[in-house]
Amino acid sequence: MSKTREVLKEVARTRLEVELTDDVIESGKKFSDIGVDSLEAIELIVELEEALDIELDDRRLDDVECIKDLAEYLAEFD
């Protein structure tokens, strides 16, 4: 399991109280379908950047439409 995916699951659980499993991530569900609104999605991104000590590109994030897209983008930092 990738470090970034584990951090994504942990941050979602602790920050947003959302349980992300690999099945949920791979399903391609939109953030709203897993109970995450736009403000919470931004908070998730900020928390992930801090936890992983990375800086995500805003233009790349514009293309992130679902939790799977985010997980795939984060995997580039593994």
PDB file of N, CA and C in Angstrom:
ATOM      1  N   MET A   1       0.844  -1.180   0.000  1.00  0.00           N
ATOM      2  CA  MET A   1       0.000   0.000   0.000  1.00  0.00           C
ATOM      3  C   MET A   1       0.887   1.240   0.000  1.00  0.00           C
ATOM      4  N   SER A   2       0.500   2.203  -0.783  1.00  0.00           N
ATOM      5  CA  SER A   2       1.317   3.404  -0.890  1.00  0.00           C
ATOM      6  C   SER A   2       1.160   4.288   0.345  1.00  0.00           C
ATOM      7  N   LYS A   3       2.225   4.994   0.646  1.00  0.00           N
ATOM      8  CA  LYS A   3       2.209   5.901   1.794  1.00  0.00           C
ATOM      9  C   LYS A   3       1.149   6.986   1.609  1.00  0.00           C
ATOM     10  N   THR A   4       1.072   7.539   0.403  1.00  0.00           N
ATOM     11  CA  THR A   4       0.125   8.636   0.184  1.00  0.00           C
ATOM     12  C   THR A   4      -1.318   8.161   0.323  1.00  0.00           C
ATOM     13  N   ARG A   5      -1.614   6.942  -0.122  1.00  0.00           N
ATOM     14  CA  ARG A   5      -2.980   6.425   0.009  1.00  0.00           C
ATOM     15  C   ARG A   5      -3.329   6.227   1.486  1.00  0.00           C
ATOM     16  N   GLU A   6      -2.397   5.726   2.244  1.00  0.00           N
ATOM     17  CA  GLU A   6      -2.639   5.531   3.679  1.00  0.00           C
ATOM     18  C   GLU A   6      -2.872   6.875   4.374  1.00  0.00           C
ATOM     19  N   VAL A   7      -2.081   7.888   3.996  1.00  0.00           N
ATOM     20  CA  VAL A   7      -2.257   9.225   4.568  1.00  0.00           C
ATOM     21  C   VAL A   7      -3.613   9.793   4.144  1.00  0.00           C
ATOM     22  N   LEU A   8      -4.001   9.587   2.898  1.00  0.00           N
ATOM     23  CA  LEU A   8      -5.311  10.036   2.424  1.00  0.00           C
ATOM     24  C   LEU A   8      -6.426   9.426   3.267  1.00  0.00           C
ATOM     25  N   LYS A   9      -6.360   8.134   3.504  1.00  0.00           N
ATOM     26  CA  LYS A   9      -7.378   7.454   4.313  1.00  0.00           C
ATOM     27  C   LYS A   9      -7.409   8.016   5.735  1.00  0.00           C
ATOM     28  N   GLU A  10      -6.229   8.192   6.322  1.00  0.00           N
ATOM     29  CA  GLU A  10      -6.145   8.673   7.702  1.00  0.00           C
ATOM     30  C   GLU A  10      -6.652  10.104   7.828  1.00  0.00           C
ATOM     31  N   VAL A  11      -6.262  10.976   6.916  1.00  0.00           N
ATOM     32  CA  VAL A  11      -6.707  12.372   6.964  1.00  0.00           C
ATOM     33  C   VAL A  11      -8.223  12.448   6.761  1.00  0.00           C
ATOM     34  N   ALA A  12      -8.746  11.662   5.825  1.00  0.00           N
ATOM     35  CA  ALA A  12     -10.199  11.654   5.597  1.00  0.00           C
ATOM     36  C   ALA A  12     -10.930  11.184   6.852  1.00  0.00           C
ATOM     37  N   ARG A  13     -10.376  10.186   7.513  1.00  0.00           N
ATOM     38  CA  ARG A  13     -11.020   9.649   8.716  1.00  0.00           C
ATOM     39  C   ARG A  13     -10.973  10.638   9.868  1.00  0.00           C
ATOM     40  N   THR A  14      -9.818  11.222  10.118  1.00  0.00           N
ATOM     41  CA  THR A  14      -9.677  12.090  11.283  1.00  0.00           C
ATOM     42  C   THR A  14     -10.205  13.501  11.038  1.00  0.00           C
ATOM     43  N   ARG A  15      -9.975  14.029   9.862  1.00  0.00           N
ATOM     44  CA  ARG A  15     -10.361  15.418   9.573  1.00  0.00           C
ATOM     45  C   ARG A  15     -11.821  15.549   9.147  1.00  0.00           C
ATOM     46  N   LEU A  16     -12.286  14.591   8.325  1.00  0.00           N
ATOM     47  CA  LEU A  16     -13.625  14.689   7.756  1.00  0.00           C
ATOM     48  C   LEU A  16     -14.598  13.645   8.289  1.00  0.00           C
ATOM     49  N   GLU A  17     -14.078  12.725   9.097  1.00  0.00           N
ATOM     50  CA  GLU A  17     -14.877  11.626   9.627  1.00  0.00           C
ATOM     51  C   GLU A  17     -15.516  10.813   8.508  1.00  0.00           C
ATOM     52  N   VAL A  18     -14.719  10.575   7.455  1.00  0.00           N
ATOM     53  CA  VAL A  18     -15.145   9.780   6.307  1.00  0.00           C
ATOM     54  C   VAL A  18     -14.226   8.571   6.218  1.00  0.00           C
ATOM     55  N   GLU A  19     -14.822   7.377   6.194  1.00  0.00           N
ATOM     56  CA  GLU A  19     -14.028   6.160   6.054  1.00  0.00           C
ATOM     57  C   GLU A  19     -13.807   5.877   4.573  1.00  0.00           C
ATOM     58  N   LEU A  20     -12.565   5.922   4.148  1.00  0.00           N
ATOM     59  CA  LEU A  20     -12.214   5.596   2.775  1.00  0.00           C
ATOM     60  C   LEU A  20     -11.578   4.214   2.743  1.00  0.00           C
ATOM     61  N   THR A  21     -12.174   3.337   1.998  1.00  0.00           N
ATOM     62  CA  THR A  21     -11.572   2.026   1.754  1.00  0.00           C
ATOM     63  C   THR A  21     -10.990   2.057   0.341  1.00  0.00           C
ATOM     64  N   ASP A  22     -10.201   1.061   0.023  1.00  0.00           N
ATOM     65  CA  ASP A  22      -9.669   0.981  -1.343  1.00  0.00           C
ATOM     66  C   ASP A  22     -10.808   0.878  -2.356  1.00  0.00           C
ATOM     67  N   ASP A  23     -11.867   0.150  -1.991  1.00  0.00           N
ATOM     68  CA  ASP A  23     -13.016   0.012  -2.898  1.00  0.00           C
ATOM     69  C   ASP A  23     -13.687   1.348  -3.157  1.00  0.00           C
ATOM     70  N   VAL A  24     -13.842   2.152  -2.113  1.00  0.00           N
ATOM     71  CA  VAL A  24     -14.459   3.477  -2.274  1.00  0.00           C
ATOM     72  C   VAL A  24     -13.573   4.352  -3.154  1.00  0.00           C
ATOM     73  N   ILE A  25     -12.280   4.320  -2.902  1.00  0.00           N
ATOM     74  CA  ILE A  25     -11.353   5.131  -3.696  1.00  0.00           C
ATOM     75  C   ILE A  25     -11.394   4.699  -5.154  1.00  0.00           C
ATOM     76  N   GLU A  26     -11.326   3.418  -5.405  1.00  0.00           N
ATOM     77  CA  GLU A  26     -11.294   2.905  -6.774  1.00  0.00           C
ATOM     78  C   GLU A  26     -12.627   3.036  -7.496  1.00  0.00           C
ATOM     79  N   SER A  27     -13.707   3.249  -6.759  1.00  0.00           N
ATOM     80  CA  SER A  27     -15.033   3.345  -7.384  1.00  0.00           C
ATOM     81  C   SER A  27     -15.179   4.578  -8.268  1.00  0.00           C
ATOM     82  N   GLY A  28     -14.340   5.576  -8.030  1.00  0.00           N
ATOM     83  CA  GLY A  28     -14.440   6.800  -8.827  1.00  0.00           C
ATOM     84  C   GLY A  28     -15.567   7.712  -8.388  1.00  0.00           C
ATOM     85  N   LYS A  29     -16.053   7.514  -7.153  1.00  0.00           N
ATOM     86  CA  LYS A  29     -17.133   8.363  -6.655  1.00  0.00           C
ATOM     87  C   LYS A  29     -16.664   9.802  -6.512  1.00  0.00           C
ATOM     88  N   LYS A  30     -17.553  10.701  -6.832  1.00  0.00           N
ATOM     89  CA  LYS A  30     -17.267  12.118  -6.645  1.00  0.00           C
ATOM     90  C   LYS A  30     -17.221  12.411  -5.154  1.00  0.00           C
ATOM     91  N   PHE A  31     -16.571  13.502  -4.799  1.00  0.00           N
ATOM     92  CA  PHE A  31     -16.441  13.867  -3.392  1.00  0.00           C
ATOM     93  C   PHE A  31     -17.815  13.976  -2.723  1.00  0.00           C
ATOM     94  N   SER A  32     -18.771  14.594  -3.400  1.00  0.00           N
ATOM     95  CA  SER A  32     -20.107  14.759  -2.817  1.00  0.00           C
ATOM     96  C   SER A  32     -20.774  13.413  -2.552  1.00  0.00           C
ATOM     97  N   ASP A  33     -20.459  12.402  -3.355  1.00  0.00           N
ATOM     98  CA  ASP A  33     -21.040  11.069  -3.169  1.00  0.00           C
ATOM     99  C   ASP A  33     -20.507  10.365  -1.929  1.00  0.00           C
ATOM    100  N   ILE A  34     -19.378  10.822  -1.423  1.00  0.00           N
ATOM    101  CA  ILE A  34     -18.836  10.220  -0.196  1.00  0.00           C
ATOM    102  C   ILE A  34     -19.015  11.153   0.996  1.00  0.00           C
ATOM    103  N   GLY A  35     -19.820  12.205   0.803  1.00  0.00           N
ATOM    104  CA  GLY A  35     -20.149  13.098   1.914  1.00  0.00           C
ATOM    105  C   GLY A  35     -19.177  14.232   2.135  1.00  0.00           C
ATOM    106  N   VAL A  36     -18.413  14.609   1.110  1.00  0.00           N
ATOM    107  CA  VAL A  36     -17.425  15.674   1.236  1.00  0.00           C
ATOM    108  C   VAL A  36     -17.860  16.842   0.345  1.00  0.00           C
ATOM    109  N   ASP A  37     -18.139  17.995   0.980  1.00  0.00           N
ATOM    110  CA  ASP A  37     -18.519  19.169   0.184  1.00  0.00           C
ATOM    111  C   ASP A  37     -17.263  19.903  -0.292  1.00  0.00           C
ATOM    112  N   SER A  38     -17.454  20.969  -1.051  1.00  0.00           N
ATOM    113  CA  SER A  38     -16.304  21.647  -1.663  1.00  0.00           C
ATOM    114  C   SER A  38     -15.352  22.255  -0.633  1.00  0.00           C
ATOM    115  N   LEU A  39     -15.881  22.814   0.444  1.00  0.00           N
ATOM    116  CA  LEU A  39     -15.017  23.376   1.484  1.00  0.00           C
ATOM    117  C   LEU A  39     -14.221  22.266   2.164  1.00  0.00           C
ATOM    118  N   GLU A  40     -14.862  21.162   2.451  1.00  0.00           N
ATOM    119  CA  GLU A  40     -14.160  20.041   3.071  1.00  0.00           C
ATOM    120  C   GLU A  40     -13.096  19.468   2.145  1.00  0.00           C
ATOM    121  N   ALA A  41     -13.363  19.471   0.844  1.00  0.00           N
ATOM    122  CA  ALA A  41     -12.370  18.987  -0.113  1.00  0.00           C
ATOM    123  C   ALA A  41     -11.119  19.863  -0.070  1.00  0.00           C
ATOM    124  N   ILE A  42     -11.310  21.174   0.033  1.00  0.00           N
ATOM    125  CA  ILE A  42     -10.176  22.095   0.143  1.00  0.00           C
ATOM    126  C   ILE A  42      -9.409  21.837   1.435  1.00  0.00           C
ATOM    127  N   GLU A  43     -10.130  21.651   2.527  1.00  0.00           N
ATOM    128  CA  GLU A  43      -9.489  21.353   3.807  1.00  0.00           C
ATOM    129  C   GLU A  43      -8.706  20.041   3.723  1.00  0.00           C
ATOM    130  N   LEU A  44      -9.265  19.066   3.024  1.00  0.00           N
ATOM    131  CA  LEU A  44      -8.585  17.787   2.838  1.00  0.00           C
ATOM    132  C   LEU A  44      -7.274  17.983   2.088  1.00  0.00           C
ATOM    133  N   ILE A  45      -7.313  18.772   1.031  1.00  0.00           N
ATOM    134  CA  ILE A  45      -6.107  19.038   0.233  1.00  0.00           C
ATOM    135  C   ILE A  45      -5.032  19.712   1.089  1.00  0.00           C
ATOM    136  N   VAL A  46      -5.420  20.729   1.835  1.00  0.00           N
ATOM    137  CA  VAL A  46      -4.471  21.450   2.688  1.00  0.00           C
ATOM    138  C   VAL A  46      -3.861  20.507   3.715  1.00  0.00           C
ATOM    139  N   GLU A  47      -4.689  19.699   4.330  1.00  0.00           N
ATOM    140  CA  GLU A  47      -4.203  18.753   5.338  1.00  0.00           C
ATOM    141  C   GLU A  47      -3.264  17.717   4.723  1.00  0.00           C
ATOM    142  N   LEU A  48      -3.595  17.252   3.528  1.00  0.00           N
ATOM    143  CA  LEU A  48      -2.724  16.288   2.841  1.00  0.00           C
ATOM    144  C   LEU A  48      -1.377  16.905   2.503  1.00  0.00           C
ATOM    145  N   GLU A  49      -1.373  18.140   2.032  1.00  0.00           N
ATOM    146  CA  GLU A  49      -0.113  18.812   1.724  1.00  0.00           C
ATOM    147  C   GLU A  49       0.757  18.910   2.972  1.00  0.00           C
ATOM    148  N   GLU A  50       0.150  19.242   4.097  1.00  0.00           N
ATOM    149  CA  GLU A  50       0.905  19.355   5.349  1.00  0.00           C
ATOM    150  C   GLU A  50       1.407  17.990   5.808  1.00  0.00           C
ATOM    151  N   ALA A  51       0.531  16.996   5.785  1.00  0.00           N
ATOM    152  CA  ALA A  51       0.885  15.666   6.286  1.00  0.00           C
ATOM    153  C   ALA A  51       1.972  15.009   5.442  1.00  0.00           C
ATOM    154  N   LEU A  52       1.936  15.266   4.141  1.00  0.00           N
ATOM    155  CA  LEU A  52       2.904  14.645   3.237  1.00  0.00           C
ATOM    156  C   LEU A  52       4.081  15.546   2.906  1.00  0.00           C
ATOM    157  N   ASP A  53       4.034  16.786   3.394  1.00  0.00           N
ATOM    158  CA  ASP A  53       5.071  17.773   3.114  1.00  0.00           C
ATOM    159  C   ASP A  53       5.298  17.924   1.605  1.00  0.00           C
ATOM    160  N   ILE A  54       4.175  18.163   0.915  1.00  0.00           N
ATOM    161  CA  ILE A  54       4.202  18.355  -0.536  1.00  0.00           C
ATOM    162  C   ILE A  54       3.393  19.597  -0.884  1.00  0.00           C
ATOM    163  N   GLU A  55       3.533  20.046  -2.127  1.00  0.00           N
ATOM    164  CA  GLU A  55       2.704  21.133  -2.626  1.00  0.00           C
ATOM    165  C   GLU A  55       2.033  20.650  -3.904  1.00  0.00           C
ATOM    166  N   LEU A  56       0.719  20.600  -3.879  1.00  0.00           N
ATOM    167  CA  LEU A  56      -0.041  20.151  -5.034  1.00  0.00           C
ATOM    168  C   LEU A  56      -0.301  21.329  -5.963  1.00  0.00           C
ATOM    169  N   ASP A  57      -0.259  21.059  -7.248  1.00  0.00           N
ATOM    170  CA  ASP A  57      -0.452  22.081  -8.276  1.00  0.00           C
ATOM    171  C   ASP A  57      -1.944  22.388  -8.424  1.00  0.00           C
ATOM    172  N   ASP A  58      -2.318  23.647  -8.240  1.00  0.00           N
ATOM    173  CA  ASP A  58      -3.721  24.052  -8.327  1.00  0.00           C
ATOM    174  C   ASP A  58      -4.331  23.717  -9.683  1.00  0.00           C
ATOM    175  N   ARG A  59      -3.557  23.871 -10.740  1.00  0.00           N
ATOM    176  CA  ARG A  59      -4.081  23.554 -12.081  1.00  0.00           C
ATOM    177  C   ARG A  59      -4.356  22.067 -12.217  1.00  0.00           C
ATOM    178  N   ARG A  60      -3.506  21.244 -11.647  1.00  0.00           N
ATOM    179  CA  ARG A  60      -3.746  19.791 -11.658  1.00  0.00           C
ATOM    180  C   ARG A  60      -4.958  19.447 -10.811  1.00  0.00           C
ATOM    181  N   LEU A  61      -5.112  20.152  -9.696  1.00  0.00           N
ATOM    182  CA  LEU A  61      -6.254  19.886  -8.823  1.00  0.00           C
ATOM    183  C   LEU A  61      -7.574  20.243  -9.490  1.00  0.00           C
ATOM    184  N   ASP A  62      -7.545  21.197 -10.422  1.00  0.00           N
ATOM    185  CA  ASP A  62      -8.760  21.545 -11.166  1.00  0.00           C
ATOM    186  C   ASP A  62      -9.300  20.345 -11.944  1.00  0.00           C
ATOM    187  N   ASP A  63      -8.427  19.418 -12.311  1.00  0.00           N
ATOM    188  CA  ASP A  63      -8.823  18.224 -13.066  1.00  0.00           C
ATOM    189  C   ASP A  63      -9.264  17.078 -12.163  1.00  0.00           C
ATOM    190  N   VAL A  64      -9.106  17.235 -10.866  1.00  0.00           N
ATOM    191  CA  VAL A  64      -9.498  16.192  -9.926  1.00  0.00           C
ATOM    192  C   VAL A  64     -11.007  16.278  -9.701  1.00  0.00           C
ATOM    193  N   GLU A  65     -11.707  15.263 -10.181  1.00  0.00           N
ATOM    194  CA  GLU A  65     -13.161  15.258 -10.088  1.00  0.00           C
ATOM    195  C   GLU A  65     -13.696  14.260  -9.073  1.00  0.00           C
ATOM    196  N   CYS A  66     -12.849  13.322  -8.669  1.00  0.00           N
ATOM    197  CA  CYS A  66     -13.311  12.298  -7.739  1.00  0.00           C
ATOM    198  C   CYS A  66     -12.149  11.865  -6.842  1.00  0.00           C
ATOM    199  N   ILE A  67     -12.483  11.079  -5.858  1.00  0.00           N
ATOM    200  CA  ILE A  67     -11.478  10.651  -4.888  1.00  0.00           C
ATOM    201  C   ILE A  67     -10.405   9.780  -5.566  1.00  0.00           C
ATOM    202  N   LYS A  68     -10.782   9.034  -6.600  1.00  0.00           N
ATOM    203  CA  LYS A  68      -9.803   8.215  -7.329  1.00  0.00           C
ATOM    204  C   LYS A  68      -8.784   9.104  -8.027  1.00  0.00           C
ATOM    205  N   ASP A  69      -9.244  10.194  -8.640  1.00  0.00           N
ATOM    206  CA  ASP A  69      -8.327  11.133  -9.297  1.00  0.00           C
ATOM    207  C   ASP A  69      -7.316  11.685  -8.296  1.00  0.00           C
ATOM    208  N   LEU A  70      -7.808  12.030  -7.105  1.00  0.00           N
ATOM    209  CA  LEU A  70      -6.918  12.565  -6.077  1.00  0.00           C
ATOM    210  C   LEU A  70      -5.900  11.509  -5.647  1.00  0.00           C
ATOM    211  N   ALA A  71      -6.354  10.287  -5.431  1.00  0.00           N
ATOM    212  CA  ALA A  71      -5.445   9.211  -5.022  1.00  0.00           C
ATOM    213  C   ALA A  71      -4.378   8.969  -6.083  1.00  0.00           C
ATOM    214  N   GLU A  72      -4.769   9.011  -7.354  1.00  0.00           N
ATOM    215  CA  GLU A  72      -3.800   8.806  -8.441  1.00  0.00           C
ATOM    216  C   GLU A  72      -2.794   9.948  -8.510  1.00  0.00           C
ATOM    217  N   TYR A  73      -3.260  11.168  -8.291  1.00  0.00           N
ATOM    218  CA  TYR A  73      -2.342  12.315  -8.278  1.00  0.00           C
ATOM    219  C   TYR A  73      -1.378  12.191  -7.101  1.00  0.00           C
ATOM    220  N   LEU A  74      -1.889  11.856  -5.942  1.00  0.00           N
ATOM    221  CA  LEU A  74      -1.029  11.704  -4.763  1.00  0.00           C
ATOM    222  C   LEU A  74      -0.002  10.598  -4.956  1.00  0.00           C
ATOM    223  N   ALA A  75      -0.368   9.544  -5.682  1.00  0.00           N
ATOM    224  CA  ALA A  75       0.546   8.425  -5.900  1.00  0.00           C
ATOM    225  C   ALA A  75       1.817   8.856  -6.627  1.00  0.00           C
ATOM    226  N   GLU A  76       1.744   9.959  -7.338  1.00  0.00           N
ATOM    227  CA  GLU A  76       2.934  10.476  -8.023  1.00  0.00           C
ATOM    228  C   GLU A  76       4.004  10.921  -7.038  1.00  0.00           C
ATOM    229  N   PHE A  77       3.632  11.112  -5.775  1.00  0.00           N
ATOM    230  CA  PHE A  77       4.570  11.569  -4.749  1.00  0.00           C
ATOM    231  C   PHE A  77       5.130  10.415  -3.926  1.00  0.00           C
ATOM    232  N   ASP A  78       4.722   9.184  -4.245  1.00  0.00           N
ATOM    233  CA  ASP A  78       5.259   8.019  -3.517  1.00  0.00           C
ATOM    234  C   ASP A  78       6.691   7.759  -3.885  1.00  0.00           C
TER     235      ASP A  78
END
